[in-house]
Amino acid sequence: ILCSARALGEFGAVSVVSGHINGKTCTLPLHIEYLYDNYQLSA
Protein backbone atom coordinates (compact mmCIF):
# COMPACT_ATOMS: atom_id res chain seq x y z
CA ILE A 1 0.00 0.00 0.00
CA LEU A 2 2.80 2.43 0.87
CA CYS A 3 4.67 1.55 -2.32
CA SER A 4 1.61 2.05 -4.53
CA ALA A 5 0.76 5.39 -2.89
CA ARG A 6 4.30 6.64 -3.53
CA ALA A 7 4.34 5.35 -7.10
CA LEU A 8 1.05 7.00 -8.06
CA GLY A 9 2.28 10.44 -7.10
CA GLU A 10 5.89 10.25 -8.32
CA PHE A 11 6.89 13.35 -10.24
CA GLY A 12 10.60 14.24 -10.07
CA ALA A 13 12.34 11.16 -11.47
CA VAL A 14 9.57 10.45 -13.99
CA SER A 15 9.68 14.07 -15.16
CA VAL A 16 13.35 13.69 -16.10
CA VAL A 17 13.10 10.37 -17.97
CA SER A 18 9.71 10.82 -19.63
CA GLY A 19 10.42 13.78 -21.91
CA HIS A 20 6.96 15.26 -21.17
CA ILE A 21 5.46 13.94 -24.40
CA ASN A 22 1.80 14.69 -23.77
CA GLY A 23 -0.45 11.77 -24.61
CA LYS A 24 2.48 9.33 -24.73
CA THR A 25 4.88 9.60 -21.80
CA CYS A 26 3.04 11.91 -19.40
CA THR A 27 1.84 10.27 -16.21
CA LEU A 28 -1.01 11.81 -14.26
CA PRO A 29 1.20 14.15 -12.14
CA LEU A 30 2.98 15.35 -15.31
CA HIS A 31 -0.36 15.81 -17.08
CA ILE A 32 -1.55 17.98 -14.21
CA GLU A 33 1.53 20.17 -14.59
CA TYR A 34 0.92 20.41 -18.35
CA LEU A 35 -2.70 21.49 -17.83
CA TYR A 36 -1.75 24.04 -15.20
CA ASP A 37 1.03 25.53 -17.33
CA ASN A 38 -1.45 25.91 -20.21
CA TYR A 39 -4.03 27.64 -17.98
CA GLN A 40 -6.51 24.75 -18.13
CA LEU A 41 -7.13 25.14 -14.42
CA SER A 42 -10.45 23.31 -14.20
CA ALA A 43 -9.04 20.17 -15.84
Full PDB file with SEQRES, HELIX, SHEET, SSBOND, CRYST1, ORIGX, SCALE, CONECT and MASTER records, all heavy atoms in Angstrom:
SEQRES   1 A   43  ILE LEU CYS SER ALA ARG ALA LEU GLY GLU PHE GLY ALA          
SEQRES   2 A   43  VAL SER VAL VAL SER GLY HIS ILE ASN GLY LYS THR CYS          
SEQRES   3 A   43  THR LEU PRO LEU HIS ILE GLU TYR LEU TYR ASP ASN TYR          
SEQRES   4 A   43  GLN LEU SER ALA                                              
HELIX    1 AA1 LEU A    2  LEU A    8  1                                   7    
HELIX    2 AA2 GLY A   12  SER A   18  1                                   7    
HELIX    3 AA3 LEU A   28  ASP A   37  1                                  10    
CRYST1    1.000    1.000    1.000  90.00  90.00  90.00 P 1           1          
ORIGX1      1.000000  0.000000  0.000000        0.00000                         
ORIGX2      0.000000  1.000000  0.000000        0.00000                         
ORIGX3      0.000000  0.000000  1.000000        0.00000                         
SCALE1      1.000000  0.000000  0.000000        0.00000                         
SCALE2      0.000000  1.000000  0.000000        0.00000                         
SCALE3      0.000000  0.000000  1.000000        0.00000                         
ATOM      1  N   ILE A   1       0.836  -1.207   0.000  1.00  0.00           N  
ATOM      2  CA  ILE A   1       0.000   0.000   0.000  1.00  0.00           C  
ATOM      3  C   ILE A   1       0.867   1.252   0.000  1.00  0.00           C  
ATOM      4  O   ILE A   1       0.631   2.201  -0.764  1.00  0.00           O  
ATOM      5  CB  ILE A   1      -0.948  -0.013   1.206  1.00  0.00           C  
ATOM      6  CG1 ILE A   1      -1.993  -1.128   1.054  1.00  0.00           C  
ATOM      7  CG2 ILE A   1      -1.652   1.333   1.368  1.00  0.00           C  
ATOM      8  CD1 ILE A   1      -2.857  -1.332   2.268  1.00  0.00           C  
ATOM      9  N   LEU A   2       1.897   1.278   0.843  1.00  0.00           N  
ATOM     10  CA  LEU A   2       2.801   2.434   0.869  1.00  0.00           C  
ATOM     11  C   LEU A   2       3.518   2.607  -0.464  1.00  0.00           C  
ATOM     12  O   LEU A   2       3.680   3.730  -0.962  1.00  0.00           O  
ATOM     13  CB  LEU A   2       3.820   2.257   1.996  1.00  0.00           C  
ATOM     14  CG  LEU A   2       3.291   2.295   3.432  1.00  0.00           C  
ATOM     15  CD1 LEU A   2       4.428   2.042   4.414  1.00  0.00           C  
ATOM     16  CD2 LEU A   2       2.620   3.630   3.734  1.00  0.00           C  
ATOM     17  N   CYS A   3       3.950   1.485  -1.043  1.00  0.00           N  
ATOM     18  CA  CYS A   3       4.667   1.545  -2.319  1.00  0.00           C  
ATOM     19  C   CYS A   3       3.765   2.073  -3.430  1.00  0.00           C  
ATOM     20  O   CYS A   3       4.185   2.916  -4.236  1.00  0.00           O  
ATOM     21  CB  CYS A   3       5.191   0.155  -2.662  1.00  0.00           C  
ATOM     22  SG  CYS A   3       6.148   0.070  -4.190  1.00  0.00           S  
ATOM     23  N   SER A   4       2.528   1.595  -3.478  1.00  0.00           N  
ATOM     24  CA  SER A   4       1.611   2.047  -4.526  1.00  0.00           C  
ATOM     25  C   SER A   4       1.257   3.519  -4.364  1.00  0.00           C  
ATOM     26  O   SER A   4       1.175   4.260  -5.358  1.00  0.00           O  
ATOM     27  CB  SER A   4       0.342   1.192  -4.507  1.00  0.00           C  
ATOM     28  OG  SER A   4      -0.325   1.307  -3.255  1.00  0.00           O  
ATOM     29  N   ALA A   5       1.078   3.978  -3.122  1.00  0.00           N  
ATOM     30  CA  ALA A   5       0.764   5.389  -2.894  1.00  0.00           C  
ATOM     31  C   ALA A   5       1.915   6.285  -3.361  1.00  0.00           C  
ATOM     32  O   ALA A   5       1.693   7.336  -3.976  1.00  0.00           O  
ATOM     33  CB  ALA A   5       0.475   5.623  -1.418  1.00  0.00           C  
ATOM     34  N   ARG A   6       3.142   5.854  -3.092  1.00  0.00           N  
ATOM     35  CA  ARG A   6       4.303   6.643  -3.526  1.00  0.00           C  
ATOM     36  C   ARG A   6       4.450   6.618  -5.039  1.00  0.00           C  
ATOM     37  O   ARG A   6       4.792   7.638  -5.666  1.00  0.00           O  
ATOM     38  CB  ARG A   6       5.567   6.082  -2.867  1.00  0.00           C  
ATOM     39  CG  ARG A   6       6.860   6.819  -3.230  1.00  0.00           C  
ATOM     40  CD  ARG A   6       6.843   8.218  -2.646  1.00  0.00           C  
ATOM     41  NE  ARG A   6       8.092   8.915  -2.937  1.00  0.00           N  
ATOM     42  CZ  ARG A   6       8.349   9.569  -4.065  1.00  0.00           C  
ATOM     43  NH1 ARG A   6       7.430   9.620  -5.012  1.00  0.00           N  
ATOM     44  NH2 ARG A   6       9.491  10.180  -4.243  1.00  0.00           N  
ATOM     45  N   ALA A   7       4.179   5.475  -5.653  1.00  0.00           N  
ATOM     46  CA  ALA A   7       4.341   5.348  -7.102  1.00  0.00           C  
ATOM     47  C   ALA A   7       3.320   6.187  -7.857  1.00  0.00           C  
ATOM     48  O   ALA A   7       3.636   6.782  -8.889  1.00  0.00           O  
ATOM     49  CB  ALA A   7       4.230   3.881  -7.514  1.00  0.00           C  
ATOM     50  N   LEU A   8       2.099   6.245  -7.353  1.00  0.00           N  
ATOM     51  CA  LEU A   8       1.052   6.997  -8.056  1.00  0.00           C  
ATOM     52  C   LEU A   8       1.373   8.484  -8.140  1.00  0.00           C  
ATOM     53  O   LEU A   8       1.036   9.145  -9.123  1.00  0.00           O  
ATOM     54  CB  LEU A   8      -0.293   6.796  -7.356  1.00  0.00           C  
ATOM     55  CG  LEU A   8      -0.949   5.424  -7.499  1.00  0.00           C  
ATOM     56  CD1 LEU A   8      -2.140   5.295  -6.560  1.00  0.00           C  
ATOM     57  CD2 LEU A   8      -1.389   5.197  -8.946  1.00  0.00           C  
ATOM     58  N   GLY A   9       2.019   9.012  -7.133  1.00  0.00           N  
ATOM     59  CA  GLY A   9       2.276  10.445  -7.102  1.00  0.00           C  
ATOM     60  C   GLY A   9       3.684  10.848  -7.492  1.00  0.00           C  
ATOM     61  O   GLY A   9       4.035  12.026  -7.357  1.00  0.00           O  
ATOM     62  N   GLU A  10       4.500   9.916  -7.985  1.00  0.00           N  
ATOM     63  CA  GLU A  10       5.887  10.251  -8.317  1.00  0.00           C  
ATOM     64  C   GLU A  10       5.951  11.267  -9.455  1.00  0.00           C  
ATOM     65  O   GLU A  10       5.299  11.124 -10.486  1.00  0.00           O  
ATOM     66  CB  GLU A  10       6.650   8.986  -8.696  1.00  0.00           C  
ATOM     67  CG  GLU A  10       8.037   9.244  -9.254  1.00  0.00           C  
ATOM     68  CD  GLU A  10       8.902  10.110  -8.349  1.00  0.00           C  
ATOM     69  OE1 GLU A  10       8.708  10.081  -7.106  1.00  0.00           O  
ATOM     70  OE2 GLU A  10       9.757  10.830  -8.875  1.00  0.00           O  
ATOM     71  N   PHE A  11       6.776  12.278  -9.257  1.00  0.00           N  
ATOM     72  CA  PHE A  11       6.891  13.354 -10.245  1.00  0.00           C  
ATOM     73  C   PHE A  11       8.334  13.588 -10.696  1.00  0.00           C  
ATOM     74  O   PHE A  11       8.614  13.620 -11.893  1.00  0.00           O  
ATOM     75  CB  PHE A  11       6.312  14.654  -9.673  1.00  0.00           C  
ATOM     76  CG  PHE A  11       6.395  15.817 -10.619  1.00  0.00           C  
ATOM     77  CD1 PHE A  11       5.395  16.039 -11.549  1.00  0.00           C  
ATOM     78  CD2 PHE A  11       7.473  16.695 -10.586  1.00  0.00           C  
ATOM     79  CE1 PHE A  11       5.461  17.109 -12.434  1.00  0.00           C  
ATOM     80  CE2 PHE A  11       7.552  17.765 -11.460  1.00  0.00           C  
ATOM     81  CZ  PHE A  11       6.538  17.969 -12.388  1.00  0.00           C  
ATOM     82  N   GLY A  12       9.260  13.762  -9.744  1.00  0.00           N  
ATOM     83  CA  GLY A  12      10.596  14.238 -10.073  1.00  0.00           C  
ATOM     84  C   GLY A  12      11.354  13.341 -11.017  1.00  0.00           C  
ATOM     85  O   GLY A  12      11.793  13.771 -12.099  1.00  0.00           O  
ATOM     86  N   ALA A  13      11.556  12.069 -10.639  1.00  0.00           N  
ATOM     87  CA  ALA A  13      12.338  11.155 -11.473  1.00  0.00           C  
ATOM     88  C   ALA A  13      11.642  10.892 -12.797  1.00  0.00           C  
ATOM     89  O   ALA A  13      12.281  10.845 -13.856  1.00  0.00           O  
ATOM     90  CB  ALA A  13      12.577   9.849 -10.723  1.00  0.00           C  
ATOM     91  N   VAL A  14      10.324  10.714 -12.757  1.00  0.00           N  
ATOM     92  CA  VAL A  14       9.567  10.453 -13.986  1.00  0.00           C  
ATOM     93  C   VAL A  14       9.625  11.666 -14.908  1.00  0.00           C  
ATOM     94  O   VAL A  14       9.685  11.524 -16.138  1.00  0.00           O  
ATOM     95  CB  VAL A  14       8.120  10.078 -13.640  1.00  0.00           C  
ATOM     96  CG1 VAL A  14       7.268   9.981 -14.899  1.00  0.00           C  
ATOM     97  CG2 VAL A  14       8.077   8.760 -12.892  1.00  0.00           C  
ATOM     98  N   SER A  15       9.616  12.861 -14.351  1.00  0.00           N  
ATOM     99  CA  SER A  15       9.676  14.068 -15.160  1.00  0.00           C  
ATOM    100  C   SER A  15      10.959  14.124 -15.979  1.00  0.00           C  
ATOM    101  O   SER A  15      10.961  14.592 -17.124  1.00  0.00           O  
ATOM    102  CB  SER A  15       9.562  15.307 -14.261  1.00  0.00           C  
ATOM    103  OG  SER A  15       9.700  16.489 -15.000  1.00  0.00           O  
ATOM    104  N   VAL A  16      12.062  13.632 -15.410  1.00  0.00           N  
ATOM    105  CA  VAL A  16      13.347  13.692 -16.097  1.00  0.00           C  
ATOM    106  C   VAL A  16      13.406  12.669 -17.230  1.00  0.00           C  
ATOM    107  O   VAL A  16      13.881  12.972 -18.330  1.00  0.00           O  
ATOM    108  CB  VAL A  16      14.494  13.459 -15.102  1.00  0.00           C  
ATOM    109  CG1 VAL A  16      15.840  13.400 -15.825  1.00  0.00           C  
ATOM    110  CG2 VAL A  16      14.519  14.561 -14.045  1.00  0.00           C  
ATOM    111  N   VAL A  17      12.926  11.448 -16.989  1.00  0.00           N  
ATOM    112  CA  VAL A  17      13.104  10.370 -17.975  1.00  0.00           C  
ATOM    113  C   VAL A  17      11.975  10.280 -18.985  1.00  0.00           C  
ATOM    114  O   VAL A  17      12.102   9.556 -19.971  1.00  0.00           O  
ATOM    115  CB  VAL A  17      13.244   9.006 -17.260  1.00  0.00           C  
ATOM    116  CG1 VAL A  17      14.406   9.020 -16.298  1.00  0.00           C  
ATOM    117  CG2 VAL A  17      11.957   8.627 -16.526  1.00  0.00           C  
ATOM    118  N   SER A  18      10.873  10.991 -18.758  1.00  0.00           N  
ATOM    119  CA  SER A  18       9.710  10.819 -19.631  1.00  0.00           C  
ATOM    120  C   SER A  18       9.761  11.697 -20.878  1.00  0.00           C  
ATOM    121  O   SER A  18       9.210  11.338 -21.919  1.00  0.00           O  
ATOM    122  CB  SER A  18       8.427  11.131 -18.857  1.00  0.00           C  
ATOM    123  OG  SER A  18       8.367  12.511 -18.518  1.00  0.00           O  
ATOM    124  N   GLY A  19      10.399  12.860 -20.788  1.00  0.00           N  
ATOM    125  CA  GLY A  19      10.421  13.776 -21.913  1.00  0.00           C  
ATOM    126  C   GLY A  19       9.178  14.630 -22.050  1.00  0.00           C  
ATOM    127  O   GLY A  19       9.069  15.438 -22.975  1.00  0.00           O  
ATOM    128  N   HIS A  20       8.191  14.451 -21.171  1.00  0.00           N  
ATOM    129  CA  HIS A  20       6.965  15.261 -21.174  1.00  0.00           C  
ATOM    130  C   HIS A  20       6.250  15.216 -22.524  1.00  0.00           C  
ATOM    131  O   HIS A  20       5.777  16.243 -23.018  1.00  0.00           O  
ATOM    132  CB  HIS A  20       7.263  16.715 -20.807  1.00  0.00           C  
ATOM    133  CG  HIS A  20       7.594  16.921 -19.361  1.00  0.00           C  
ATOM    134  ND1 HIS A  20       6.710  17.437 -18.469  1.00  0.00           N  
ATOM    135  CD2 HIS A  20       8.724  16.661 -18.662  1.00  0.00           C  
ATOM    136  CE1 HIS A  20       7.271  17.505 -17.270  1.00  0.00           C  
ATOM    137  NE2 HIS A  20       8.492  17.026 -17.358  1.00  0.00           N  
ATOM    138  N   ILE A  21       6.180  14.067 -23.139  1.00  0.00           N  
ATOM    139  CA  ILE A  21       5.456  13.937 -24.403  1.00  0.00           C  
ATOM    140  C   ILE A  21       3.986  13.717 -24.069  1.00  0.00           C  
ATOM    141  O   ILE A  21       3.591  12.616 -23.674  1.00  0.00           O  
ATOM    142  CB  ILE A  21       6.007  12.774 -25.245  1.00  0.00           C  
ATOM    143  CG1 ILE A  21       7.520  12.942 -25.454  1.00  0.00           C  
ATOM    144  CG2 ILE A  21       5.296  12.709 -26.600  1.00  0.00           C  
ATOM    145  CD1 ILE A  21       8.169  11.770 -26.152  1.00  0.00           C  
ATOM    146  N   ASN A  22       3.195  14.764 -24.189  1.00  0.00           N  
ATOM    147  CA  ASN A  22       1.802  14.691 -23.771  1.00  0.00           C  
ATOM    148  C   ASN A  22       1.034  13.672 -24.609  1.00  0.00           C  
ATOM    149  O   ASN A  22       1.106  13.653 -25.839  1.00  0.00           O  
ATOM    150  CB  ASN A  22       1.137  16.067 -23.889  1.00  0.00           C  
ATOM    151  CG  ASN A  22      -0.094  16.186 -23.025  1.00  0.00           C  
ATOM    152  OD1 ASN A  22      -0.151  15.597 -21.942  1.00  0.00           O  
ATOM    153  ND2 ASN A  22      -1.079  16.930 -23.468  1.00  0.00           N  
ATOM    154  N   GLY A  23       0.299  12.818 -23.942  1.00  0.00           N  
ATOM    155  CA  GLY A  23      -0.452  11.767 -24.612  1.00  0.00           C  
ATOM    156  C   GLY A  23       0.334  10.499 -24.830  1.00  0.00           C  
ATOM    157  O   GLY A  23      -0.246   9.487 -25.252  1.00  0.00           O  
ATOM    158  N   LYS A  24       1.655  10.527 -24.525  1.00  0.00           N  
ATOM    159  CA  LYS A  24       2.484   9.333 -24.730  1.00  0.00           C  
ATOM    160  C   LYS A  24       3.282   8.964 -23.486  1.00  0.00           C  
ATOM    161  O   LYS A  24       3.245   7.821 -23.042  1.00  0.00           O  
ATOM    162  CB  LYS A  24       3.426   9.540 -25.918  1.00  0.00           C  
ATOM    163  CG  LYS A  24       2.715   9.631 -27.268  1.00  0.00           C  
ATOM    164  CD  LYS A  24       3.713   9.740 -28.406  1.00  0.00           C  
ATOM    165  CE  LYS A  24       3.004   9.782 -29.755  1.00  0.00           C  
ATOM    166  NZ  LYS A  24       3.961   9.869 -30.892  1.00  0.00           N  
ATOM    167  N   THR A  25       4.030   9.924 -22.948  1.00  0.00           N  
ATOM    168  CA  THR A  25       4.885   9.603 -21.802  1.00  0.00           C  
ATOM    169  C   THR A  25       4.561  10.444 -20.571  1.00  0.00           C  
ATOM    170  O   THR A  25       5.360  10.488 -19.636  1.00  0.00           O  
ATOM    171  CB  THR A  25       6.372   9.798 -22.169  1.00  0.00           C  
ATOM    172  OG1 THR A  25       6.594  11.182 -22.489  1.00  0.00           O  
ATOM    173  CG2 THR A  25       6.764   8.926 -23.342  1.00  0.00           C  
ATOM    174  N   CYS A  26       3.441  11.116 -20.558  1.00  0.00           N  
ATOM    175  CA  CYS A  26       3.036  11.915 -19.401  1.00  0.00           C  
ATOM    176  C   CYS A  26       2.195  11.060 -18.454  1.00  0.00           C  
ATOM    177  O   CYS A  26       1.131  10.568 -18.849  1.00  0.00           O  
ATOM    178  CB  CYS A  26       2.242  13.149 -19.833  1.00  0.00           C  
ATOM    179  SG  CYS A  26       3.257  14.572 -20.269  1.00  0.00           S  
ATOM    180  N   THR A  27       2.668  10.892 -17.233  1.00  0.00           N  
ATOM    181  CA  THR A  27       1.843  10.271 -16.207  1.00  0.00           C  
ATOM    182  C   THR A  27       0.858  11.315 -15.668  1.00  0.00           C  
ATOM    183  O   THR A  27       0.889  12.480 -16.079  1.00  0.00           O  
ATOM    184  CB  THR A  27       2.714   9.721 -15.072  1.00  0.00           C  
ATOM    185  OG1 THR A  27       3.491  10.797 -14.515  1.00  0.00           O  
ATOM    186  CG2 THR A  27       3.655   8.640 -15.588  1.00  0.00           C  
ATOM    187  N   LEU A  28       0.015  10.902 -14.757  1.00  0.00           N  
ATOM    188  CA  LEU A  28      -1.009  11.814 -14.255  1.00  0.00           C  
ATOM    189  C   LEU A  28      -0.413  13.051 -13.575  1.00  0.00           C  
ATOM    190  O   LEU A  28      -0.879  14.176 -13.837  1.00  0.00           O  
ATOM    191  CB  LEU A  28      -1.954  11.072 -13.315  1.00  0.00           C  
ATOM    192  CG  LEU A  28      -3.230  11.804 -12.908  1.00  0.00           C  
ATOM    193  CD1 LEU A  28      -4.007  12.247 -14.131  1.00  0.00           C  
ATOM    194  CD2 LEU A  28      -4.101  10.908 -12.018  1.00  0.00           C  
ATOM    195  N   PRO A  29       0.596  12.933 -12.702  1.00  0.00           N  
ATOM    196  CA  PRO A  29       1.197  14.155 -12.142  1.00  0.00           C  
ATOM    197  C   PRO A  29       1.781  15.080 -13.205  1.00  0.00           C  
ATOM    198  O   PRO A  29       1.645  16.304 -13.109  1.00  0.00           O  
ATOM    199  CB  PRO A  29       2.285  13.615 -11.202  1.00  0.00           C  
ATOM    200  CG  PRO A  29       1.814  12.257 -10.827  1.00  0.00           C  
ATOM    201  CD  PRO A  29       1.144  11.719 -12.054  1.00  0.00           C  
ATOM    202  N   LEU A  30       2.421  14.514 -14.239  1.00  0.00           N  
ATOM    203  CA  LEU A  30       2.976  15.348 -15.307  1.00  0.00           C  
ATOM    204  C   LEU A  30       1.870  15.983 -16.139  1.00  0.00           C  
ATOM    205  O   LEU A  30       2.007  17.121 -16.604  1.00  0.00           O  
ATOM    206  CB  LEU A  30       3.876  14.507 -16.213  1.00  0.00           C  
ATOM    207  CG  LEU A  30       5.101  13.872 -15.556  1.00  0.00           C  
ATOM    208  CD1 LEU A  30       5.921  13.101 -16.589  1.00  0.00           C  
ATOM    209  CD2 LEU A  30       5.960  14.911 -14.878  1.00  0.00           C  
ATOM    210  N   HIS A  31       0.771  15.256 -16.329  1.00  0.00           N  
ATOM    211  CA  HIS A  31      -0.356  15.809 -17.084  1.00  0.00           C  
ATOM    212  C   HIS A  31      -0.992  16.975 -16.327  1.00  0.00           C  
ATOM    213  O   HIS A  31      -1.416  17.965 -16.944  1.00  0.00           O  
ATOM    214  CB  HIS A  31      -1.387  14.716 -17.333  1.00  0.00           C  
ATOM    215  CG  HIS A  31      -2.557  15.163 -18.153  1.00  0.00           C  
ATOM    216  ND1 HIS A  31      -2.435  15.585 -19.458  1.00  0.00           N  
ATOM    217  CD2 HIS A  31      -3.893  15.267 -17.842  1.00  0.00           C  
ATOM    218  CE1 HIS A  31      -3.629  15.918 -19.928  1.00  0.00           C  
ATOM    219  NE2 HIS A  31      -4.512  15.747 -18.975  1.00  0.00           N  
ATOM    220  N   ILE A  32      -1.029  16.878 -15.018  1.00  0.00           N  
ATOM    221  CA  ILE A  32      -1.551  17.981 -14.209  1.00  0.00           C  
ATOM    222  C   ILE A  32      -0.676  19.223 -14.390  1.00  0.00           C  
ATOM    223  O   ILE A  32      -1.180  20.342 -14.538  1.00  0.00           O  
ATOM    224  CB  ILE A  32      -1.625  17.567 -12.725  1.00  0.00           C  
ATOM    225  CG1 ILE A  32      -2.671  16.460 -12.539  1.00  0.00           C  
ATOM    226  CG2 ILE A  32      -1.952  18.763 -11.842  1.00  0.00           C  
ATOM    227  CD1 ILE A  32      -2.671  15.867 -11.151  1.00  0.00           C  
ATOM    228  N   GLU A  33       0.643  19.030 -14.378  1.00  0.00           N  
ATOM    229  CA  GLU A  33       1.534  20.171 -14.594  1.00  0.00           C  
ATOM    230  C   GLU A  33       1.316  20.776 -15.982  1.00  0.00           C  
ATOM    231  O   GLU A  33       1.298  22.003 -16.131  1.00  0.00           O  
ATOM    232  CB  GLU A  33       2.987  19.719 -14.448  1.00  0.00           C  
ATOM    233  CG  GLU A  33       3.984  20.860 -14.609  1.00  0.00           C  
ATOM    234  CD  GLU A  33       5.398  20.372 -14.848  1.00  0.00           C  
ATOM    235  OE1 GLU A  33       5.570  19.332 -15.500  1.00  0.00           O  
ATOM    236  OE2 GLU A  33       6.331  21.060 -14.393  1.00  0.00           O  
ATOM    237  N   TYR A  34       1.138  19.924 -16.991  1.00  0.00           N  
ATOM    238  CA  TYR A  34       0.917  20.413 -18.351  1.00  0.00           C  
ATOM    239  C   TYR A  34      -0.367  21.239 -18.416  1.00  0.00           C  
ATOM    240  O   TYR A  34      -0.391  22.327 -19.019  1.00  0.00           O  
ATOM    241  CB  TYR A  34       0.837  19.222 -19.304  1.00  0.00           C  
ATOM    242  CG  TYR A  34       0.372  19.596 -20.694  1.00  0.00           C  
ATOM    243  CD1 TYR A  34       1.257  20.110 -21.637  1.00  0.00           C  
ATOM    244  CD2 TYR A  34      -0.965  19.421 -21.070  1.00  0.00           C  
ATOM    245  CE1 TYR A  34       0.826  20.459 -22.913  1.00  0.00           C  
ATOM    246  CE2 TYR A  34      -1.402  19.760 -22.337  1.00  0.00           C  
ATOM    247  CZ  TYR A  34      -0.507  20.276 -23.256  1.00  0.00           C  
ATOM    248  OH  TYR A  34      -0.941  20.622 -24.518  1.00  0.00           O  
ATOM    249  N   LEU A  35      -1.436  20.756 -17.807  1.00  0.00           N  
ATOM    250  CA  LEU A  35      -2.701  21.488 -17.828  1.00  0.00           C  
ATOM    251  C   LEU A  35      -2.574  22.818 -17.093  1.00  0.00           C  
ATOM    252  O   LEU A  35      -3.082  23.853 -17.553  1.00  0.00           O  
ATOM    253  CB  LEU A  35      -3.809  20.635 -17.194  1.00  0.00           C  
ATOM    254  CG  LEU A  35      -4.206  19.354 -17.931  1.00  0.00           C  
ATOM    255  CD1 LEU A  35      -5.185  18.545 -17.093  1.00  0.00           C  
ATOM    256  CD2 LEU A  35      -4.822  19.687 -19.288  1.00  0.00           C  
ATOM    257  N   TYR A  36      -1.908  22.814 -15.982  1.00  0.00           N  
ATOM    258  CA  TYR A  36      -1.753  24.043 -15.196  1.00  0.00           C  
ATOM    259  C   TYR A  36      -0.903  25.068 -15.946  1.00  0.00           C  
ATOM    260  O   TYR A  36      -1.232  26.262 -15.951  1.00  0.00           O  
ATOM    261  CB  TYR A  36      -1.118  23.718 -13.842  1.00  0.00           C  
ATOM    262  CG  TYR A  36      -1.077  24.889 -12.903  1.00  0.00           C  
ATOM    263  CD1 TYR A  36      -2.196  25.234 -12.149  1.00  0.00           C  
ATOM    264  CD2 TYR A  36       0.078  25.652 -12.762  1.00  0.00           C  
ATOM    265  CE1 TYR A  36      -2.160  26.316 -11.277  1.00  0.00           C  
ATOM    266  CE2 TYR A  36       0.122  26.726 -11.901  1.00  0.00           C  
ATOM    267  CZ  TYR A  36      -1.002  27.058 -11.159  1.00  0.00           C  
ATOM    268  OH  TYR A  36      -0.964  28.125 -10.307  1.00  0.00           O  
ATOM    269  N   ASP A  37       0.165  24.612 -16.576  1.00  0.00           N  
ATOM    270  CA  ASP A  37       1.026  25.529 -17.329  1.00  0.00           C  
ATOM    271  C   ASP A  37       0.306  26.124 -18.535  1.00  0.00           C  
ATOM    272  O   ASP A  37       0.677  27.211 -19.011  1.00  0.00           O  
ATOM    273  CB  ASP A  37       2.296  24.810 -17.788  1.00  0.00           C  
ATOM    274  CG  ASP A  37       3.230  24.497 -16.639  1.00  0.00           C  
ATOM    275  OD1 ASP A  37       3.073  25.112 -15.571  1.00  0.00           O  
ATOM    276  OD2 ASP A  37       4.108  23.627 -16.800  1.00  0.00           O  
ATOM    277  N   ASN A  38      -0.693  25.425 -19.057  1.00  0.00           N  
ATOM    278  CA  ASN A  38      -1.447  25.911 -20.210  1.00  0.00           C  
ATOM    279  C   ASN A  38      -2.781  26.544 -19.795  1.00  0.00           C  
ATOM    280  O   ASN A  38      -3.694  26.657 -20.620  1.00  0.00           O  
ATOM    281  CB  ASN A  38      -1.696  24.761 -21.189  1.00  0.00           C  
ATOM    282  CG  ASN A  38      -0.453  24.357 -21.941  1.00  0.00           C  
ATOM    283  OD1 ASN A  38      -0.129  24.928 -22.982  1.00  0.00           O  
ATOM    284  ND2 ASN A  38       0.275  23.381 -21.405  1.00  0.00           N  
ATOM    285  N   TYR A  39      -2.891  26.898 -18.518  1.00  0.00           N  
ATOM    286  CA  TYR A  39      -4.029  27.640 -17.979  1.00  0.00           C  
ATOM    287  C   TYR A  39      -5.359  26.886 -18.112  1.00  0.00           C  
ATOM    288  O   TYR A  39      -6.419  27.500 -18.146  1.00  0.00           O  
ATOM    289  CB  TYR A  39      -4.147  29.015 -18.656  1.00  0.00           C  
ATOM    290  CG  TYR A  39      -2.894  29.836 -18.510  1.00  0.00           C  
ATOM    291  CD1 TYR A  39      -1.976  29.920 -19.555  1.00  0.00           C  
ATOM    292  CD2 TYR A  39      -2.614  30.508 -17.322  1.00  0.00           C  
ATOM    293  CE1 TYR A  39      -0.805  30.666 -19.412  1.00  0.00           C  
ATOM    294  CE2 TYR A  39      -1.454  31.249 -17.177  1.00  0.00           C  
ATOM    295  CZ  TYR A  39      -0.558  31.332 -18.220  1.00  0.00           C  
ATOM    296  OH  TYR A  39       0.597  32.065 -18.081  1.00  0.00           O  
ATOM    297  N   GLN A  40      -5.300  25.568 -18.159  1.00  0.00           N  
ATOM    298  CA  GLN A  40      -6.507  24.752 -18.127  1.00  0.00           C  
ATOM    299  C   GLN A  40      -6.746  24.342 -16.663  1.00  0.00           C  
ATOM    300  O   GLN A  40      -6.596  23.183 -16.286  1.00  0.00           O  
ATOM    301  CB  GLN A  40      -6.364  23.532 -19.036  1.00  0.00           C  
ATOM    302  CG  GLN A  40      -6.056  23.882 -20.479  1.00  0.00           C  
ATOM    303  CD  GLN A  40      -5.896  22.660 -21.353  1.00  0.00           C  
ATOM    304  OE1 GLN A  40      -6.630  21.679 -21.215  1.00  0.00           O  
ATOM    305  NE2 GLN A  40      -4.945  22.706 -22.282  1.00  0.00           N  
ATOM    306  N   LEU A  41      -7.113  25.326 -15.869  1.00  0.00           N  
ATOM    307  CA  LEU A  41      -7.129  25.143 -14.421  1.00  0.00           C  
ATOM    308  C   LEU A  41      -8.203  24.157 -13.979  1.00  0.00           C  
ATOM    309  O   LEU A  41      -7.981  23.358 -13.074  1.00  0.00           O  
ATOM    310  CB  LEU A  41      -7.331  26.499 -13.732  1.00  0.00           C  
ATOM    311  CG  LEU A  41      -6.261  27.560 -14.023  1.00  0.00           C  
ATOM    312  CD1 LEU A  41      -6.526  28.817 -13.219  1.00  0.00           C  
ATOM    313  CD2 LEU A  41      -4.868  27.018 -13.728  1.00  0.00           C  
ATOM    314  N   SER A  42      -9.370  24.208 -14.601  1.00  0.00           N  
ATOM    315  CA  SER A  42     -10.447  23.311 -14.200  1.00  0.00           C  
ATOM    316  C   SER A  42     -10.044  21.854 -14.407  1.00  0.00           C  
ATOM    317  O   SER A  42     -10.224  21.006 -13.517  1.00  0.00           O  
ATOM    318  CB  SER A  42     -11.718  23.623 -14.999  1.00  0.00           C  
ATOM    319  OG  SER A  42     -12.760  22.724 -14.631  1.00  0.00           O  
ATOM    320  N   ALA A  43      -9.482  21.543 -15.569  1.00  0.00           N  
ATOM    321  CA  ALA A  43      -9.044  20.175 -15.839  1.00  0.00           C  
ATOM    322  C   ALA A  43      -7.875  19.778 -14.944  1.00  0.00           C  
ATOM    323  O   ALA A  43      -7.782  18.632 -14.498  1.00  0.00           O  
ATOM    324  CB  ALA A  43      -8.658  20.035 -17.308  1.00  0.00           C  
TER     325      ALA A  43                                                      
MASTER        0    0    0    3    0    0    0    6  324    1    0    4          
END                                                                             
